[in-house]
């Protein structure tokens, strides 16, 4: 029983936290990451002459779906 004591203490502490949301924290972190990376990545993709049209389109779809997921989570 003693070996489970730390688990129960943590569970008790977490159950008493109001407004703590792992999903909200993940969304905020993901949005910050998107805002930091997406503009530079998009510029890189558009400027890279080694990428053909299909490769550029695929990478742009990746950014678009990432943005769509962020917007869907915001609702």
N, C-alpha and C. Protein backbone atom coordinates (compact mmCIF):
# COMPACT_ATOMS: atom_id res chain seq x y z
N UNK A 1 0.82 -1.19 0.00
CA UNK A 1 0.00 0.00 0.00
C UNK A 1 0.86 1.26 0.00
N UNK A 2 1.98 1.23 0.73
CA UNK A 2 2.85 2.40 0.80
C UNK A 2 3.43 2.76 -0.56
N UNK A 3 3.64 1.78 -1.41
CA UNK A 3 4.24 2.10 -2.70
C UNK A 3 3.27 2.85 -3.61
N UNK A 4 1.98 2.78 -3.31
CA UNK A 4 0.99 3.50 -4.09
C UNK A 4 0.68 4.89 -3.52
N UNK A 5 1.24 5.19 -2.38
CA UNK A 5 0.97 6.48 -1.72
C UNK A 5 1.30 7.68 -2.61
N UNK A 6 2.47 7.72 -3.27
CA UNK A 6 2.75 8.87 -4.14
C UNK A 6 1.73 9.02 -5.28
N UNK A 7 1.26 7.90 -5.79
CA UNK A 7 0.25 7.94 -6.85
C UNK A 7 -1.04 8.58 -6.34
N UNK A 8 -1.47 8.17 -5.16
CA UNK A 8 -2.70 8.72 -4.59
C UNK A 8 -2.56 10.21 -4.25
N UNK A 9 -1.38 10.60 -3.80
CA UNK A 9 -1.14 12.02 -3.50
C UNK A 9 -1.23 12.84 -4.79
N UNK A 10 -0.60 12.34 -5.84
CA UNK A 10 -0.66 13.04 -7.13
C UNK A 10 -2.09 13.10 -7.66
N UNK A 11 -2.79 12.00 -7.55
CA UNK A 11 -4.18 11.96 -8.00
C UNK A 11 -5.03 12.96 -7.23
N UNK A 12 -4.84 13.03 -5.94
CA UNK A 12 -5.57 13.98 -5.12
C UNK A 12 -5.24 15.41 -5.51
N UNK A 13 -3.97 15.70 -5.75
CA UNK A 13 -3.58 17.04 -6.14
C UNK A 13 -4.17 17.42 -7.49
N UNK A 14 -4.14 16.51 -8.44
CA UNK A 14 -4.69 16.80 -9.76
C UNK A 14 -6.20 16.96 -9.72
N UNK A 15 -6.86 16.20 -8.88
CA UNK A 15 -8.32 16.30 -8.83
C UNK A 15 -8.77 17.61 -8.20
N UNK A 16 -7.89 18.25 -7.44
CA UNK A 16 -8.26 19.52 -6.81
C UNK A 16 -7.93 20.73 -7.67
N UNK A 17 -7.26 20.52 -8.79
CA UNK A 17 -6.89 21.64 -9.66
C UNK A 17 -8.08 22.03 -10.53
N UNK A 18 -8.44 23.28 -10.45
CA UNK A 18 -9.53 23.79 -11.29
C UNK A 18 -8.93 24.43 -12.54
N UNK A 19 -9.53 24.16 -13.67
CA UNK A 19 -9.10 24.79 -14.90
C UNK A 19 -7.86 24.18 -15.53
N UNK A 20 -7.34 23.12 -14.96
CA UNK A 20 -6.17 22.48 -15.54
C UNK A 20 -6.63 21.59 -16.68
N UNK A 21 -6.15 21.87 -17.86
CA UNK A 21 -6.56 21.09 -19.02
C UNK A 21 -5.35 20.77 -19.87
N UNK A 22 -5.06 19.50 -19.98
CA UNK A 22 -3.94 19.08 -20.81
C UNK A 22 -4.24 19.42 -22.27
N UNK A 23 -5.48 19.25 -22.68
CA UNK A 23 -5.85 19.55 -24.07
C UNK A 23 -5.65 21.02 -24.38
N UNK A 24 -6.02 21.89 -23.47
CA UNK A 24 -5.85 23.33 -23.70
C UNK A 24 -4.37 23.69 -23.75
N UNK A 25 -3.59 23.11 -22.89
CA UNK A 25 -2.15 23.37 -22.88
C UNK A 25 -1.51 22.86 -24.17
N UNK A 26 -1.92 21.68 -24.61
CA UNK A 26 -1.40 21.13 -25.87
C UNK A 26 -1.78 22.03 -27.04
N UNK A 27 -3.03 22.47 -27.06
CA UNK A 27 -3.48 23.34 -28.16
C UNK A 27 -2.68 24.64 -28.18
N UNK A 28 -2.47 25.24 -27.03
CA UNK A 28 -1.70 26.49 -26.96
C UNK A 28 -0.28 26.27 -27.45
N UNK A 29 0.33 25.17 -27.06
CA UNK A 29 1.69 24.88 -27.50
C UNK A 29 1.75 24.61 -28.99
N UNK A 30 0.77 23.86 -29.49
CA UNK A 30 0.73 23.54 -30.92
C UNK A 30 0.51 24.81 -31.74
N UNK A 31 -0.35 25.70 -31.26
CA UNK A 31 -0.61 26.96 -31.97
C UNK A 31 0.65 27.83 -31.99
N UNK A 32 1.34 27.91 -30.86
CA UNK A 32 2.57 28.70 -30.81
C UNK A 32 3.63 28.12 -31.75
N UNK A 33 3.71 26.80 -31.81
CA UNK A 33 4.65 26.15 -32.71
C UNK A 33 4.29 26.46 -34.16
N UNK A 34 3.01 26.37 -34.49
CA UNK A 34 2.56 26.67 -35.84
C UNK A 34 2.91 28.11 -36.22
N UNK A 35 2.61 29.03 -35.32
CA UNK A 35 2.86 30.45 -35.61
C UNK A 35 4.34 30.75 -35.78
N UNK A 36 5.18 29.98 -35.11
CA UNK A 36 6.62 30.19 -35.21
C UNK A 36 7.22 29.54 -36.45
N UNK A 37 6.69 28.40 -36.84
CA UNK A 37 7.30 27.62 -37.92
C UNK A 37 6.64 27.84 -39.28
N UNK A 38 5.34 27.91 -39.32
CA UNK A 38 4.60 27.91 -40.59
C UNK A 38 5.03 29.01 -41.56
N UNK A 39 5.14 30.26 -41.14
CA UNK A 39 5.51 31.30 -42.11
C UNK A 39 6.88 31.06 -42.76
N UNK A 40 7.84 30.69 -41.94
CA UNK A 40 9.18 30.45 -42.49
C UNK A 40 9.20 29.21 -43.37
N UNK A 41 8.49 28.16 -42.95
CA UNK A 41 8.44 26.93 -43.74
C UNK A 41 7.76 27.18 -45.07
N UNK A 42 6.68 27.94 -45.06
CA UNK A 42 5.98 28.26 -46.31
C UNK A 42 6.89 29.04 -47.26
N UNK A 43 7.62 30.00 -46.73
CA UNK A 43 8.55 30.77 -47.56
C UNK A 43 9.64 29.87 -48.14
N UNK A 44 10.14 28.96 -47.32
CA UNK A 44 11.15 28.01 -47.80
C UNK A 44 10.60 27.16 -48.95
N UNK A 45 9.42 26.62 -48.75
CA UNK A 45 8.82 25.74 -49.76
C UNK A 45 8.63 26.50 -51.07
N UNK A 46 8.09 27.70 -50.99
CA UNK A 46 7.84 28.49 -52.20
C UNK A 46 9.14 28.86 -52.92
N UNK A 47 10.22 29.06 -52.17
CA UNK A 47 11.48 29.51 -52.77
C UNK A 47 12.38 28.37 -53.24
N UNK A 48 12.13 27.17 -52.77
CA UNK A 48 13.01 26.04 -53.10
C UNK A 48 12.80 25.59 -54.54
N UNK A 49 13.79 25.86 -55.36
CA UNK A 49 13.69 25.52 -56.78
C UNK A 49 13.87 24.02 -57.04
N UNK A 50 14.36 23.29 -56.06
CA UNK A 50 14.55 21.85 -56.22
C UNK A 50 13.25 21.07 -56.05
N UNK A 51 12.25 21.70 -55.46
CA UNK A 51 10.96 21.02 -55.27
C UNK A 51 10.09 21.20 -56.51
N UNK A 52 9.52 20.09 -56.96
CA UNK A 52 8.59 20.20 -58.09
C UNK A 52 7.22 20.64 -57.57
N UNK A 53 6.30 20.88 -58.48
CA UNK A 53 4.98 21.40 -58.11
C UNK A 53 4.24 20.46 -57.16
N UNK A 54 4.33 19.17 -57.41
CA UNK A 54 3.64 18.20 -56.55
C UNK A 54 4.21 18.20 -55.13
N UNK A 55 5.53 18.31 -55.02
CA UNK A 55 6.16 18.34 -53.71
C UNK A 55 5.79 19.61 -52.95
N UNK A 56 5.75 20.73 -53.67
CA UNK A 56 5.34 21.98 -53.03
C UNK A 56 3.89 21.90 -52.58
N UNK A 57 3.03 21.36 -53.42
CA UNK A 57 1.61 21.24 -53.08
C UNK A 57 1.42 20.35 -51.86
N UNK A 58 2.16 19.27 -51.78
CA UNK A 58 2.06 18.35 -50.63
C UNK A 58 2.47 19.05 -49.34
N UNK A 59 3.54 19.79 -49.40
CA UNK A 59 4.00 20.51 -48.21
C UNK A 59 3.03 21.62 -47.80
N UNK A 60 2.44 22.27 -48.78
CA UNK A 60 1.46 23.31 -48.48
C UNK A 60 0.18 22.71 -47.87
N UNK A 61 -0.19 21.52 -48.34
CA UNK A 61 -1.35 20.83 -47.74
C UNK A 61 -1.07 20.46 -46.29
N UNK A 62 0.16 20.09 -46.01
CA UNK A 62 0.54 19.78 -44.63
C UNK A 62 0.31 20.99 -43.73
N UNK A 63 0.75 22.16 -44.18
CA UNK A 63 0.52 23.38 -43.42
C UNK A 63 -0.97 23.69 -43.29
N UNK A 64 -1.70 23.50 -44.38
CA UNK A 64 -3.14 23.80 -44.37
C UNK A 64 -3.89 22.88 -43.40
N UNK A 65 -3.55 21.60 -43.38
CA UNK A 65 -4.25 20.68 -42.47
C UNK A 65 -3.86 20.95 -41.02
N UNK A 66 -2.63 21.35 -40.80
CA UNK A 66 -2.19 21.71 -39.44
C UNK A 66 -3.02 22.90 -38.95
N UNK A 67 -3.18 23.90 -39.82
CA UNK A 67 -3.98 25.08 -39.46
C UNK A 67 -5.44 24.70 -39.24
N UNK A 68 -5.97 23.81 -40.06
CA UNK A 68 -7.37 23.37 -39.91
C UNK A 68 -7.56 22.67 -38.57
N UNK A 69 -6.62 21.83 -38.15
CA UNK A 69 -6.72 21.16 -36.86
C UNK A 69 -6.72 22.18 -35.72
N UNK A 70 -5.86 23.17 -35.82
CA UNK A 70 -5.82 24.21 -34.78
C UNK A 70 -7.14 24.96 -34.70
N UNK A 71 -7.68 25.31 -35.85
CA UNK A 71 -8.94 26.04 -35.87
C UNK A 71 -10.09 25.19 -35.36
N UNK A 72 -10.09 23.90 -35.67
CA UNK A 72 -11.14 23.01 -35.20
C UNK A 72 -11.09 22.84 -33.68
N UNK A 73 -9.90 22.82 -33.12
CA UNK A 73 -9.75 22.66 -31.67
C UNK A 73 -10.14 23.92 -30.93
N UNK A 74 -10.11 25.05 -31.60
CA UNK A 74 -10.42 26.32 -30.99
C UNK A 74 -11.92 26.47 -30.73
N UNK A 75 -12.73 25.77 -31.46
CA UNK A 75 -14.19 25.89 -31.35
C UNK A 75 -14.73 25.20 -30.13
